[in-house]
C-alpha atoms as a PDB file:
ATOM      1  CA  UNK A   1     153.610-100.531 336.150  1.00  0.00           C
ATOM      2  CA  UNK A   2     155.563 -98.327 333.939  1.00  0.00           C
ATOM      3  CA  UNK A   3     154.482-100.075 330.937  1.00  0.00           C
ATOM      4  CA  UNK A   4     151.263-100.182 331.922  1.00  0.00           C
ATOM      5  CA  UNK A   5     151.113 -96.307 332.275  1.00  0.00           C
ATOM      6  CA  UNK A   6     152.595 -96.040 328.709  1.00  0.00           C
ATOM      7  CA  UNK A   7     150.019 -98.085 327.606  1.00  0.00           C
ATOM      8  CA  UNK A   8     147.183 -96.085 329.151  1.00  0.00           C
ATOM      9  CA  UNK A   9     148.583 -92.901 327.830  1.00  0.00           C
ATOM     10  CA  UNK A  10     149.343 -94.807 324.110  1.00  0.00           C
ATOM     11  CA  UNK A  11     145.399 -95.291 324.548  1.00  0.00           C
ATOM     12  CA  UNK A  12     144.350 -91.910 325.126  1.00  0.00           C
ATOM     13  CA  UNK A  13     143.472 -92.465 328.688  1.00  0.00           C
ATOM     14  CA  UNK A  14     145.409 -89.767 330.229  1.00  0.00           C
ATOM     15  CA  UNK A  15     143.065 -87.519 332.733  1.00  0.00           C
ATOM     16  CA  UNK A  16     143.205 -84.793 329.988  1.00  0.00           C
ATOM     17  CA  UNK A  17     141.813 -87.041 327.526  1.00  0.00           C
ATOM     18  CA  UNK A  18     138.902 -88.217 330.134  1.00  0.00           C
ATOM     19  CA  UNK A  19     137.847 -84.757 330.961  1.00  0.00           C
ATOM     20  CA  UNK A  20     138.358 -83.260 327.292  1.00  0.00           C
ATOM     21  CA  UNK A  21     134.927 -82.920 326.208  1.00  0.00           C
ATOM     22  CA  UNK A  22     133.681 -81.222 329.807  1.00  0.00           C
ATOM     23  CA  UNK A  23     136.481 -79.125 329.902  1.00  0.00           C
ATOM     24  CA  UNK A  24     136.699 -77.497 326.591  1.00  0.00           C
ATOM     25  CA  UNK A  25     133.561 -75.358 327.048  1.00  0.00           C
ATOM     26  CA  UNK A  26     135.128 -74.406 330.043  1.00  0.00           C
ATOM     27  CA  UNK A  27     138.108 -73.007 328.502  1.00  0.00           C
ATOM     28  CA  UNK A  28     136.274 -71.168 325.753  1.00  0.00           C
ATOM     29  CA  UNK A  29     134.594 -69.220 328.198  1.00  0.00           C
ATOM     30  CA  UNK A  30     136.931 -68.356 330.764  1.00  0.00           C
ATOM     31  CA  UNK A  31     138.414 -65.294 328.943  1.00  0.00           C
ATOM     32  CA  UNK A  32     134.829 -63.773 328.774  1.00  0.00           C
ATOM     33  CA  UNK A  33     134.358 -64.682 332.575  1.00  0.00           C
ATOM     34  CA  UNK A  34     137.457 -63.407 333.386  1.00  0.00           C
ATOM     35  CA  UNK A  35     136.440 -60.062 331.729  1.00  0.00           C
ATOM     36  CA  UNK A  36     133.424 -60.102 333.288  1.00  0.00           C
ATOM     37  CA  UNK A  37     133.972 -60.164 336.858  1.00  0.00           C
ATOM     38  CA  UNK A  38     137.060 -57.867 336.332  1.00  0.00           C
ATOM     39  CA  UNK A  39     134.927 -55.206 334.641  1.00  0.00           C
ATOM     40  CA  UNK A  40     131.293 -55.854 335.685  1.00  0.00           C
ATOM     41  CA  UNK A  41     131.366 -57.721 339.483  1.00  0.00           C
ATOM     42  CA  UNK A  42     134.425 -55.751 340.861  1.00  0.00           C
ATOM     43  CA  UNK A  43     133.324 -52.448 339.951  1.00  0.00           C
ATOM     44  CA  UNK A  44     129.654 -53.673 341.343  1.00  0.00           C
ATOM     45  CA  UNK A  45     131.157 -54.396 344.883  1.00  0.00           C
ATOM     46  CA  UNK A  46     133.854 -51.083 344.766  1.00  0.00           C
ATOM     47  CA  UNK A  47     130.824 -48.898 343.975  1.00  0.00           C
ATOM     48  CA  UNK A  48     129.104 -50.145 347.305  1.00  0.00           C
ATOM     49  CA  UNK A  49     132.106 -49.922 349.267  1.00  0.00           C
ATOM     50  CA  UNK A  50     133.235 -46.162 347.900  1.00  0.00           C
ATOM     51  CA  UNK A  51     129.792 -45.783 348.720  1.00  0.00           C
ATOM     52  CA  UNK A  52     130.752 -45.629 352.495  1.00  0.00           C
ATOM     53  CA  UNK A  53     133.410 -42.580 352.109  1.00  0.00           C
ATOM     54  CA  UNK A  54     134.343 -39.060 351.468  1.00  0.00           C
ATOM     55  CA  UNK A  55     136.885 -39.402 348.428  1.00  0.00           C
ATOM     56  CA  UNK A  56     138.152 -37.004 345.970  1.00  0.00           C
ATOM     57  CA  UNK A  57     139.326 -39.245 343.905  1.00  0.00           C
ATOM     58  CA  UNK A  58     142.869 -38.844 344.161  1.00  0.00           C
ATOM     59  CA  UNK A  59     143.319 -37.807 348.274  1.00  0.00           C
ATOM     60  CA  UNK A  60     142.983 -40.295 350.981  1.00  0.00           C
ATOM     61  CA  UNK A  61     139.494 -42.046 351.715  1.00  0.00           C
ATOM     62  CA  UNK A  62     137.579 -41.214 354.957  1.00  0.00           C
ATOM     63  CA  UNK A  63     134.802 -43.789 356.074  1.00  0.00           C
ATOM     64  CA  UNK A  64     131.382 -41.974 356.773  1.00  0.00           C
ATOM     65  CA  UNK A  65     129.131 -44.710 356.747  1.00  0.00           C
ATOM     66  CA  UNK A  66     125.839 -44.064 355.361  1.00  0.00           C
ATOM     67  CA  UNK A  67     126.206 -40.274 355.665  1.00  0.00           C
ATOM     68  CA  UNK A  68     126.072 -40.006 351.364  1.00  0.00           C
ATOM     69  CA  UNK A  69     122.694 -41.858 351.355  1.00  0.00           C
ATOM     70  CA  UNK A  70     121.482 -39.517 353.974  1.00  0.00           C
ATOM     71  CA  UNK A  71     122.194 -36.493 351.816  1.00  0.00           C
ATOM     72  CA  UNK A  72     120.755 -38.090 349.188  1.00  0.00           C
ATOM     73  CA  UNK A  73     117.364 -38.232 351.290  1.00  0.00           C
ATOM     74  CA  UNK A  74     117.495 -34.405 351.319  1.00  0.00           C
ATOM     75  CA  UNK A  75     118.812 -33.756 347.976  1.00  0.00           C
ATOM     76  CA  UNK A  76     116.574 -32.294 345.590  1.00  0.00           C
ATOM     77  CA  UNK A  77     118.198 -32.917 342.573  1.00  0.00           C
ATOM     78  CA  UNK A  78     118.356 -36.579 343.467  1.00  0.00           C
ATOM     79  CA  UNK A  79     113.991 -36.911 343.219  1.00  0.00           C
ATOM     80  CA  UNK A  80     114.490 -35.030 340.623  1.00  0.00           C
ATOM     81  CA  UNK A  81     116.541 -37.325 338.766  1.00  0.00           C
ATOM     82  CA  UNK A  82     114.952 -40.197 340.495  1.00  0.00           C
ATOM     83  CA  UNK A  83     111.449 -38.709 338.437  1.00  0.00           C
ATOM     84  CA  UNK A  84     112.674 -38.234 335.761  1.00  0.00           C
ATOM     85  CA  UNK A  85     114.144 -41.713 335.250  1.00  0.00           C
ATOM     86  CA  UNK A  86     110.443 -42.897 336.100  1.00  0.00           C
ATOM     87  CA  UNK A  87     109.377 -41.296 333.121  1.00  0.00           C
ATOM     88  CA  UNK A  88     111.835 -42.671 330.997  1.00  0.00           C
ATOM     89  CA  UNK A  89     111.207 -46.242 332.320  1.00  0.00           C
ATOM     90  CA  UNK A  90     107.083 -45.701 331.717  1.00  0.00           C
ATOM     91  CA  UNK A  91     107.433 -44.016 328.113  1.00  0.00           C
ATOM     92  CA  UNK A  92     110.731 -45.915 326.856  1.00  0.00           C
ATOM     93  CA  UNK A  93     108.753 -48.656 327.141  1.00  0.00           C
ATOM     94  CA  UNK A  94     106.633 -47.718 324.102  1.00  0.00           C
ATOM     95  CA  UNK A  95     109.490 -49.061 322.184  1.00  0.00           C
ATOM     96  CA  UNK A  96     108.131 -52.906 322.488  1.00  0.00           C
ATOM     97  CA  UNK A  97     104.851 -52.750 321.026  1.00  0.00           C
ATOM     98  CA  UNK A  98     105.926 -50.482 318.501  1.00  0.00           C
ATOM     99  CA  UNK A  99     108.872 -52.659 317.153  1.00  0.00           C
ATOM    100  CA  UNK A 100     106.774 -55.842 317.435  1.00  0.00           C
ATOM    101  CA  UNK A 101     104.195 -54.085 314.942  1.00  0.00           C
ATOM    102  CA  UNK A 102     106.665 -52.730 312.696  1.00  0.00           C
ATOM    103  CA  UNK A 103     108.477 -56.298 312.758  1.00  0.00           C
ATOM    104  CA  UNK A 104     105.209 -57.747 311.650  1.00  0.00           C
ATOM    105  CA  UNK A 105     104.840 -55.430 308.906  1.00  0.00           C
ATOM    106  CA  UNK A 106     108.054 -56.346 307.995  1.00  0.00           C
ATOM    107  CA  UNK A 107     107.846 -59.659 307.926  1.00  0.00           C
ATOM    108  CA  UNK A 108     105.318 -59.599 305.145  1.00  0.00           C
ATOM    109  CA  UNK A 109     105.689 -60.434 301.762  1.00  0.00           C
ATOM    110  CA  UNK A 110     105.358 -57.157 300.069  1.00  0.00           C
ATOM    111  CA  UNK A 111     106.998 -55.025 297.454  1.00  0.00           C
ATOM    112  CA  UNK A 112     110.202 -53.107 298.332  1.00  0.00           C
ATOM    113  CA  UNK A 113     110.254 -54.718 301.788  1.00  0.00           C
ATOM    114  CA  UNK A 114     113.939 -54.532 301.662  1.00  0.00           C
ATOM    115  CA  UNK A 115     114.243 -50.943 301.614  1.00  0.00           C
ATOM    116  CA  UNK A 116     111.754 -50.462 304.510  1.00  0.00           C
ATOM    117  CA  UNK A 117     113.473 -52.495 306.095  1.00  0.00           C
ATOM    118  CA  UNK A 118     116.798 -50.460 305.520  1.00  0.00           C
ATOM    119  CA  UNK A 119     114.830 -47.435 306.849  1.00  0.00           C
ATOM    120  CA  UNK A 120     113.619 -48.692 310.127  1.00  0.00           C
ATOM    121  CA  UNK A 121     116.707 -50.433 310.273  1.00  0.00           C
ATOM    122  CA  UNK A 122     118.920 -47.416 310.186  1.00  0.00           C
ATOM    123  CA  UNK A 123     118.256 -45.654 313.726  1.00  0.00           C
ATOM    124  CA  UNK A 124     119.964 -48.926 315.245  1.00  0.00           C
ATOM    125  CA  UNK A 125     122.803 -48.582 313.548  1.00  0.00           C
ATOM    126  CA  UNK A 126     123.355 -44.714 313.960  1.00  0.00           C
ATOM    127  CA  UNK A 127     125.712 -43.423 317.376  1.00  0.00           C
ATOM    128  CA  UNK A 128     123.741 -41.734 319.516  1.00  0.00           C
ATOM    129  CA  UNK A 129     125.492 -38.747 319.371  1.00  0.00           C
ATOM    130  CA  UNK A 130     124.351 -38.583 315.940  1.00  0.00           C
ATOM    131  CA  UNK A 131     120.585 -39.048 317.341  1.00  0.00           C
ATOM    132  CA  UNK A 132     120.944 -36.426 319.426  1.00  0.00           C
ATOM    133  CA  UNK A 133     122.547 -34.005 317.499  1.00  0.00           C
ATOM    134  CA  UNK A 134     119.878 -34.828 314.789  1.00  0.00           C
ATOM    135  CA  UNK A 135     116.865 -34.198 317.494  1.00  0.00           C
ATOM    136  CA  UNK A 136     118.173 -31.345 318.763  1.00  0.00           C
ATOM    137  CA  UNK A 137     118.292 -29.424 315.260  1.00  0.00           C
ATOM    138  CA  UNK A 138     114.769 -31.167 314.865  1.00  0.00           C
ATOM    139  CA  UNK A 139     113.495 -28.935 318.069  1.00  0.00           C
ATOM    140  CA  UNK A 140     115.125 -25.664 317.268  1.00  0.00           C
ATOM    141  CA  UNK A 141     112.974 -23.096 317.770  1.00  0.00           C
ATOM    142  CA  UNK A 142     114.526 -21.009 314.935  1.00  0.00           C
ATOM    143  CA  UNK A 143     115.062 -23.424 312.401  1.00  0.00           C
ATOM    144  CA  UNK A 144     113.626 -26.726 313.247  1.00  0.00           C
ATOM    145  CA  UNK A 145     111.294 -29.215 311.329  1.00  0.00           C
ATOM    146  CA  UNK A 146     108.892 -29.603 314.251  1.00  0.00           C
ATOM    147  CA  UNK A 147     108.258 -25.684 314.800  1.00  0.00           C
ATOM    148  CA  UNK A 148     108.402 -25.252 310.672  1.00  0.00           C
ATOM    149  CA  UNK A 149     105.386 -27.910 310.657  1.00  0.00           C
ATOM    150  CA  UNK A 150     103.495 -26.289 313.736  1.00  0.00           C
ATOM    151  CA  UNK A 151     104.217 -22.704 312.163  1.00  0.00           C
ATOM    152  CA  UNK A 152     102.322 -23.757 308.872  1.00  0.00           C
ATOM    153  CA  UNK A 153      99.273 -25.214 311.146  1.00  0.00           C
ATOM    154  CA  UNK A 154      99.538 -21.633 312.546  1.00  0.00           C
ATOM    155  CA  UNK A 155     100.606 -22.410 316.045  1.00  0.00           C
ATOM    156  CA  UNK A 156     103.248 -20.655 317.925  1.00  0.00           C
ATOM    157  CA  UNK A 157     106.799 -22.182 317.884  1.00  0.00           C
ATOM    158  CA  UNK A 158     107.675 -24.540 320.944  1.00  0.00           C
ATOM    159  CA  UNK A 159     111.398 -24.415 322.821  1.00  0.00           C
ATOM    160  CA  UNK A 160     111.140 -28.151 323.622  1.00  0.00           C
ATOM    161  CA  UNK A 161     114.843 -28.436 325.024  1.00  0.00           C
ATOM    162  CA  UNK A 162     114.477 -24.988 326.758  1.00  0.00           C
ATOM    163  CA  UNK A 163     111.151 -25.692 328.691  1.00  0.00           C
ATOM    164  CA  UNK A 164     111.182 -27.520 332.221  1.00  0.00           C
ATOM    165  CA  UNK A 165     108.004 -29.411 331.302  1.00  0.00           C
ATOM    166  CA  UNK A 166     108.547 -30.605 327.450  1.00  0.00           C
ATOM    167  CA  UNK A 167     112.656 -31.034 327.922  1.00  0.00           C
ATOM    168  CA  UNK A 168     112.440 -34.545 329.407  1.00  0.00           C
ATOM    169  CA  UNK A 169     109.439 -35.939 326.847  1.00  0.00           C
ATOM    170  CA  UNK A 170     111.627 -34.435 324.264  1.00  0.00           C
ATOM    171  CA  UNK A 171     114.603 -36.415 324.739  1.00  0.00           C
ATOM    172  CA  UNK A 172     112.757 -39.192 325.619  1.00  0.00           C
ATOM    173  CA  UNK A 173     111.054 -39.394 322.053  1.00  0.00           C
ATOM    174  CA  UNK A 174     114.976 -38.996 320.200  1.00  0.00           C
ATOM    175  CA  UNK A 175     115.334 -42.161 322.121  1.00  0.00           C
ATOM    176  CA  UNK A 176     112.456 -44.312 321.168  1.00  0.00           C
ATOM    177  CA  UNK A 177     113.956 -43.746 317.671  1.00  0.00           C
ATOM    178  CA  UNK A 178     116.637 -46.386 317.757  1.00  0.00           C
ATOM    179  CA  UNK A 179     115.522 -48.339 320.596  1.00  0.00           C
ATOM    180  CA  UNK A 180     112.265 -49.134 318.576  1.00  0.00           C
ATOM    181  CA  UNK A 181     114.775 -50.401 315.597  1.00  0.00           C
ATOM    182  CA  UNK A 182     115.868 -52.487 318.020  1.00  0.00           C
ATOM    183  CA  UNK A 183     113.453 -54.226 319.348  1.00  0.00           C
ATOM    184  CA  UNK A 184     111.943 -54.255 315.849  1.00  0.00           C
ATOM    185  CA  UNK A 185     115.090 -56.309 314.988  1.00  0.00           C
ATOM    186  CA  UNK A 186     114.649 -59.147 318.489  1.00  0.00           C
ATOM    187  CA  UNK A 187     110.923 -59.639 316.962  1.00  0.00           C
ATOM    188  CA  UNK A 188     112.167 -60.025 313.609  1.00  0.00           C
ATOM    189  CA  UNK A 189     114.363 -62.755 315.197  1.00  0.00           C
ATOM    190  CA  UNK A 190     111.537 -64.590 317.089  1.00  0.00           C
ATOM    191  CA  UNK A 191     109.585 -64.191 314.385  1.00  0.00           C
ATOM    192  CA  UNK A 192     112.184 -66.439 312.012  1.00  0.00           C
ATOM    193  CA  UNK A 193     111.257 -69.447 314.825  1.00  0.00           C
ATOM    194  CA  UNK A 194     107.612 -68.968 314.822  1.00  0.00           C
ATOM    195  CA  UNK A 195     105.884 -72.533 313.962  1.00  0.00           C
ATOM    196  CA  UNK A 196     104.318 -72.296 310.876  1.00  0.00           C
ATOM    197  CA  UNK A 197     102.259 -75.619 311.838  1.00  0.00           C
ATOM    198  CA  UNK A 198     100.850 -73.714 314.461  1.00  0.00           C
ATOM    199  CA  UNK A 199      99.710 -70.744 312.788  1.00  0.00           C
ATOM    200  CA  UNK A 200      98.368 -72.766 309.898  1.00  0.00           C
ATOM    201  CA  UNK A 201      96.769 -75.010 312.548  1.00  0.00           C
ATOM    202  CA  UNK A 202      95.060 -71.458 313.868  1.00  0.00           C
ATOM    203  CA  UNK A 203      93.674 -70.353 310.367  1.00  0.00           C
ATOM    204  CA  UNK A 204      91.889 -73.900 310.597  1.00  0.00           C
ATOM    205  CA  UNK A 205      89.977 -73.188 313.615  1.00  0.00           C
ATOM    206  CA  UNK A 206      89.376 -69.753 312.554  1.00  0.00           C
ATOM    207  CA  UNK A 207      91.739 -67.348 313.754  1.00  0.00           C
ATOM    208  CA  UNK A 208      92.802 -64.286 312.261  1.00  0.00           C
ATOM    209  CA  UNK A 209      93.840 -60.764 313.255  1.00  0.00           C
ATOM    210  CA  UNK A 210      94.241 -59.795 316.836  1.00  0.00           C
ATOM    211  CA  UNK A 211      93.461 -63.917 318.142  1.00  0.00           C
ATOM    212  CA  UNK A 212      95.950 -65.062 315.630  1.00  0.00           C
ATOM    213  CA  UNK A 213      98.376 -62.417 317.633  1.00  0.00           C
ATOM    214  CA  UNK A 214      97.708 -63.049 321.105  1.00  0.00           C
ATOM    215  CA  UNK A 215      97.049 -67.044 320.901  1.00  0.00           C
ATOM    216  CA  UNK A 216      99.622 -67.963 318.466  1.00  0.00           C
ATOM    217  CA  UNK A 217     102.313 -65.400 317.750  1.00  0.00           C
ATOM    218  CA  UNK A 218     102.931 -63.786 320.734  1.00  0.00           C
ATOM    219  CA  UNK A 219     103.094 -66.960 323.175  1.00  0.00           C
ATOM    220  CA  UNK A 220     106.238 -67.972 320.789  1.00  0.00           C
ATOM    221  CA  UNK A 221     108.022 -64.424 321.069  1.00  0.00           C
ATOM    222  CA  UNK A 222     108.217 -64.432 324.659  1.00  0.00           C
ATOM    223  CA  UNK A 223     111.644 -65.122 324.872  1.00  0.00           C
ATOM    224  CA  UNK A 224     112.443 -61.904 322.323  1.00  0.00           C
ATOM    225  CA  UNK A 225     109.734 -60.075 324.413  1.00  0.00           C
ATOM    226  CA  UNK A 226     111.638 -60.926 327.859  1.00  0.00           C
ATOM    227  CA  UNK A 227     115.232 -59.869 326.083  1.00  0.00           C
ATOM    228  CA  UNK A 228     113.006 -56.391 325.110  1.00  0.00           C
ATOM    229  CA  UNK A 229     111.677 -55.638 328.424  1.00  0.00           C
ATOM    230  CA  UNK A 230     115.148 -56.421 330.027  1.00  0.00           C
ATOM    231  CA  UNK A 231     116.924 -54.043 327.478  1.00  0.00           C
ATOM    232  CA  UNK A 232     114.452 -51.141 327.176  1.00  0.00           C
ATOM    233  CA  UNK A 233     114.559 -51.042 331.128  1.00  0.00           C
ATOM    234  CA  UNK A 234     118.600 -51.098 331.401  1.00  0.00           C
ATOM    235  CA  UNK A 235     118.707 -48.968 328.329  1.00  0.00           C
ATOM    236  CA  UNK A 236     116.235 -46.669 330.136  1.00  0.00           C
ATOM    237  CA  UNK A 237     117.547 -46.507 333.580  1.00  0.00           C
ATOM    238  CA  UNK A 238     121.015 -45.662 332.280  1.00  0.00           C
ATOM    239  CA  UNK A 239     120.073 -42.901 329.998  1.00  0.00           C
ATOM    240  CA  UNK A 240     123.049 -40.595 329.407  1.00  0.00           C
ATOM    241  CA  UNK A 241     124.248 -39.753 326.312  1.00  0.00           C
ATOM    242  CA  UNK A 242     121.408 -38.400 324.985  1.00  0.00           C
ATOM    243  CA  UNK A 243     121.027 -36.256 327.718  1.00  0.00           C
ATOM    244  CA  UNK A 244     124.439 -35.093 327.599  1.00  0.00           C
ATOM    245  CA  UNK A 245     124.635 -34.428 323.671  1.00  0.00           C
ATOM    246  CA  UNK A 246     120.893 -32.108 323.722  1.00  0.00           C
ATOM    247  CA  UNK A 247     120.838 -30.542 326.901  1.00  0.00           C
ATOM    248  CA  UNK A 248     123.368 -31.520 329.504  1.00  0.00           C
ATOM    249  CA  UNK A 249     120.899 -31.608 332.305  1.00  0.00           C
ATOM    250  CA  UNK A 250     119.491 -28.336 331.649  1.00  0.00           C
ATOM    251  CA  UNK A 251     117.524 -26.209 331.394  1.00  0.00           C
ATOM    252  CA  UNK A 252     118.173 -25.742 335.388  1.00  0.00           C
ATOM    253  CA  UNK A 253     118.417 -29.530 335.588  1.00  0.00           C
ATOM    254  CA  UNK A 254     115.246 -30.467 334.700  1.00  0.00           C
ATOM    255  CA  UNK A 255     116.396 -32.932 331.992  1.00  0.00           C
ATOM    256  CA  UNK A 256     118.426 -34.991 334.659  1.00  0.00           C
ATOM    257  CA  UNK A 257     118.442 -38.298 335.382  1.00  0.00           C
ATOM    258  CA  UNK A 258     120.357 -40.481 337.865  1.00  0.00           C
ATOM    259  CA  UNK A 259     122.937 -41.400 335.708  1.00  0.00           C
ATOM    260  CA  UNK A 260     123.636 -38.198 334.453  1.00  0.00           C
ATOM    261  CA  UNK A 261     123.825 -36.925 338.181  1.00  0.00           C
ATOM    262  CA  UNK A 262     125.846 -39.281 339.133  1.00  0.00           C
ATOM    263  CA  UNK A 263     128.438 -38.013 336.644  1.00  0.00           C
ATOM    264  CA  UNK A 264     127.739 -34.112 337.957  1.00  0.00           C
ATOM    265  CA  UNK A 265     128.684 -35.082 340.988  1.00  0.00           C
ATOM    266  CA  UNK A 266     131.682 -37.010 340.843  1.00  0.00           C
ATOM    267  CA  UNK A 267     133.569 -36.153 337.313  1.00  0.00           C
ATOM    268  CA  UNK A 268     132.176 -32.805 336.579  1.00  0.00           C
ATOM    269  CA  UNK A 269     133.290 -29.131 337.982  1.00  0.00           C
ATOM    270  CA  UNK A 270     130.728 -29.913 340.666  1.00  0.00           C
ATOM    271  CA  UNK A 271     133.075 -31.356 343.346  1.00  0.00           C
ATOM    272  CA  UNK A 272     134.926 -34.519 342.520  1.00  0.00           C
ATOM    273  CA  UNK A 273     132.474 -36.259 344.916  1.00  0.00           C
ATOM    274  CA  UNK A 274     133.558 -40.145 344.021  1.00  0.00           C
ATOM    275  CA  UNK A 275     131.783 -41.449 347.731  1.00  0.00           C
ATOM    276  CA  UNK A 276     127.990 -39.229 346.914  1.00  0.00           C
ATOM    277  CA  UNK A 277     128.316 -40.463 343.009  1.00  0.00           C
ATOM    278  CA  UNK A 278     128.950 -44.350 344.132  1.00  0.00           C
ATOM    279  CA  UNK A 279     125.909 -44.195 346.207  1.00  0.00           C
ATOM    280  CA  UNK A 280     124.046 -42.803 343.551  1.00  0.00           C
ATOM    281  CA  UNK A 281     125.192 -45.855 341.243  1.00  0.00           C
ATOM    282  CA  UNK A 282     124.297 -48.081 344.054  1.00  0.00           C
ATOM    283  CA  UNK A 283     120.275 -46.641 344.101  1.00  0.00           C
ATOM    284  CA  UNK A 284     120.418 -47.326 340.642  1.00  0.00           C
ATOM    285  CA  UNK A 285     121.993 -50.498 340.682  1.00  0.00           C
ATOM    286  CA  UNK A 286     119.255 -51.359 343.008  1.00  0.00           C
ATOM    287  CA  UNK A 287     116.573 -50.289 341.074  1.00  0.00           C
ATOM    288  CA  UNK A 288     117.706 -51.963 337.996  1.00  0.00           C
ATOM    289  CA  UNK A 289     117.854 -55.124 339.953  1.00  0.00           C
ATOM    290  CA  UNK A 290     114.827 -55.337 341.160  1.00  0.00           C
ATOM    291  CA  UNK A 291     113.248 -54.973 337.888  1.00  0.00           C
ATOM    292  CA  UNK A 292     115.563 -57.829 336.179  1.00  0.00           C
ATOM    293  CA  UNK A 293     115.019 -59.585 338.970  1.00  0.00           C
ATOM    294  CA  UNK A 294     111.107 -59.477 338.706  1.00  0.00           C
ATOM    295  CA  UNK A 295     111.510 -60.338 335.178  1.00  0.00           C
ATOM    296  CA  UNK A 296     113.760 -63.211 335.873  1.00  0.00           C
ATOM    297  CA  UNK A 297     111.670 -64.865 338.550  1.00  0.00           C
ATOM    298  CA  UNK A 298     108.498 -64.186 336.049  1.00  0.00           C
ATOM    299  CA  UNK A 299     110.174 -66.279 333.439  1.00  0.00           C
ATOM    300  CA  UNK A 300     111.422 -68.757 335.503  1.00  0.00           C
ATOM    301  CA  UNK A 301     107.775 -69.277 337.476  1.00  0.00           C
ATOM    302  CA  UNK A 302     106.602 -69.874 334.129  1.00  0.00           C
ATOM    303  CA  UNK A 303     109.022 -72.352 332.447  1.00  0.00           C
ATOM    304  CA  UNK A 304     108.476 -74.599 335.763  1.00  0.00           C
ATOM    305  CA  UNK A 305     104.910 -74.216 335.533  1.00  0.00           C
ATOM    306  CA  UNK A 306     105.182 -76.279 332.168  1.00  0.00           C
END
C-alpha cells in the first residue's frame, strides 16, 4: 500500500497536482477578492447598520431605528442635494456621446493625430483638484477667461460660482472635461476591436456616414458603451472633489450633492452625526444600485436573446 502511494506521488498523482490547474486562478484572485470584501462589501453592510444608530463616531451608539431616515424626509438640504445629483446625472451623460465623437475623430489617420490624442488625453491624467482650481480661475468674475470673453462681446461679467442658479452647471461643466477624456479612451479601445470585414461589407452595401456608425460600428461598441454608462453614472452620483475644491458646497449650500452633504453632517463642523451620514450613504448606494442593476439586466437580457 505504501509502495502504491509513493508511486502515485512520483507520477504526480497527488491531490495538488490533480487540481492545480483549477485552483491556480483562485489563488491569484484571492488577494483581490479579500481586499474587495474587507474594503468594499463589509463597509456597505456597516453603513446600513450605523444608519440605525445615533453615534458621534467616538462614544456609545444609541439605537434609534428609522429615525435618521425620517429626519432625511423633512430635511430641505437633503432634497437640494438630491436634486443636484439628478442634474449631475442627466448632464454628465453628455460625456458619453462627446467621448465617442472625439474617439471617432482620433481614430482617423491624419497629420498630427498624435498631438491631438495627447491634447484630448491630458484631462484624464491630471488630478481632479487641478481641474477644480483651473476652472475656478476660469470662472473668476474679476480676471477669469470666461468673463474676459464675455466682456469682449459687450456682456456683463457673470459670477458663475457665486450664483445659486449657475453654480451647479458650472461645476458639472468642469467635471465633463476629464470625464469626456475617459469615455474617449474607452471608445478608442473599443474601435481597435471593430471588425474591418463588417465595415468593408457595409461599404459594399452602400452604408456610409450615420448609417455606417449606427448599424455597424455602434453595435460593436456596446461593451465600451456599457462601461462608459456605468462609470459615468457612478461618477455623477459620487461627485465630491470638484464641489469641495470649487465651492465647498456654496453659495448657501446650493451646490451640495449627496456625497458632499454626507461628509458635512458626518465629518465636518456641522455635528459628527455618523448615523445620519450613513443614512445618506445608504440612499446614495441604493440609487447607484438601481441604475447599475438596470444596465446589468439589460446586458444580460440582450446576451441571452442572441
